[in-house]
C-alpha cells in the first residue's frame, strides 16, 4: 500500500563577511522567532504534518 505525503521545504543560508556587505543586525533584533513560527505552523496543521528546523554546521546535524 503506498503512503501519500507532501513536504514543505524552507532553505535558509548564511554568508561569510565581506567588506562591501551590509553589517548583520545585532542578535535579538528580529521581529519574529523562527522557533515560534515553526511551533505555530505545527499547531495549525493536522497530526499528519510536522515542521522542524535542521541545523547543519558542517560537522554536526541537529534537529530542533
Protein backbone atom coordinates (compact mmCIF):
# COMPACT_ATOMS: atom_id res chain seq x y z
CA UNK A 1 0.00 0.00 0.00
CA UNK A 2 1.55 3.36 -0.99
CA UNK A 3 1.98 6.12 1.54
CA UNK A 4 0.97 9.55 0.27
CA UNK A 5 2.86 12.51 1.67
CA UNK A 6 3.77 16.08 0.90
CA UNK A 7 6.65 18.26 2.06
CA UNK A 8 7.23 21.96 2.58
CA UNK A 9 10.94 22.72 2.44
CA UNK A 10 12.36 26.04 3.58
CA UNK A 11 16.01 26.76 2.77
CA UNK A 12 17.97 29.22 4.88
CA UNK A 13 21.51 30.24 4.11
CA UNK A 14 24.29 32.04 5.89
CA UNK A 15 27.06 34.15 4.48
CA UNK A 16 30.70 34.96 5.02
CA UNK A 17 31.72 38.51 5.81
CA UNK A 18 32.95 40.77 3.02
CA UNK A 19 33.74 44.46 3.48
CA UNK A 20 31.15 45.52 0.86
CA UNK A 21 28.30 43.62 2.50
CA UNK A 22 25.91 45.23 4.92
CA UNK A 23 26.57 44.60 8.59
CA UNK A 24 24.44 41.94 10.24
CA UNK A 25 21.90 43.17 12.77
CA UNK A 26 22.58 42.56 16.42
CA UNK A 27 21.27 39.35 17.95
CA UNK A 28 17.78 39.79 19.36
CA UNK A 29 16.61 42.47 16.91
CA UNK A 30 14.43 40.14 14.79
CA UNK A 31 10.72 40.90 14.59
CA UNK A 32 9.77 37.21 14.84
CA UNK A 33 11.32 33.99 16.04
CA UNK A 34 11.85 31.08 13.64
CA UNK A 35 11.22 28.74 16.57
CA UNK A 36 7.83 30.39 17.22
CA UNK A 37 6.95 30.29 13.50
CA UNK A 38 7.64 26.54 13.37
CA UNK A 39 5.56 25.97 16.53
CA UNK A 40 2.69 28.00 15.06
CA UNK A 41 2.81 26.09 11.76
CA UNK A 42 2.70 22.78 13.68
CA UNK A 43 -0.29 23.92 15.74
CA UNK A 44 -2.22 24.91 12.59
CA UNK A 45 -1.65 21.59 10.80
CA UNK A 46 -3.27 18.23 11.42
CA UNK A 47 -1.31 15.43 13.09
CA UNK A 48 -0.11 14.27 9.67
CA UNK A 49 2.18 17.29 9.10
CA UNK A 50 5.10 18.34 11.29
CA UNK A 51 7.61 21.11 10.67
CA UNK A 52 11.06 21.36 12.18
CA UNK A 53 14.43 23.03 11.99
CA UNK A 54 17.51 21.11 10.88
CA UNK A 55 20.86 22.76 11.55
CA UNK A 56 23.94 21.53 9.67
CA UNK A 57 27.10 23.28 10.81
CA UNK A 58 29.37 21.21 8.58
CA UNK A 59 30.33 18.80 11.36
CA UNK A 60 27.08 18.00 13.15
CA UNK A 61 23.44 17.87 12.09
CA UNK A 62 20.85 18.63 14.78
CA UNK A 63 17.07 18.87 14.67
CA UNK A 64 15.05 21.28 16.79
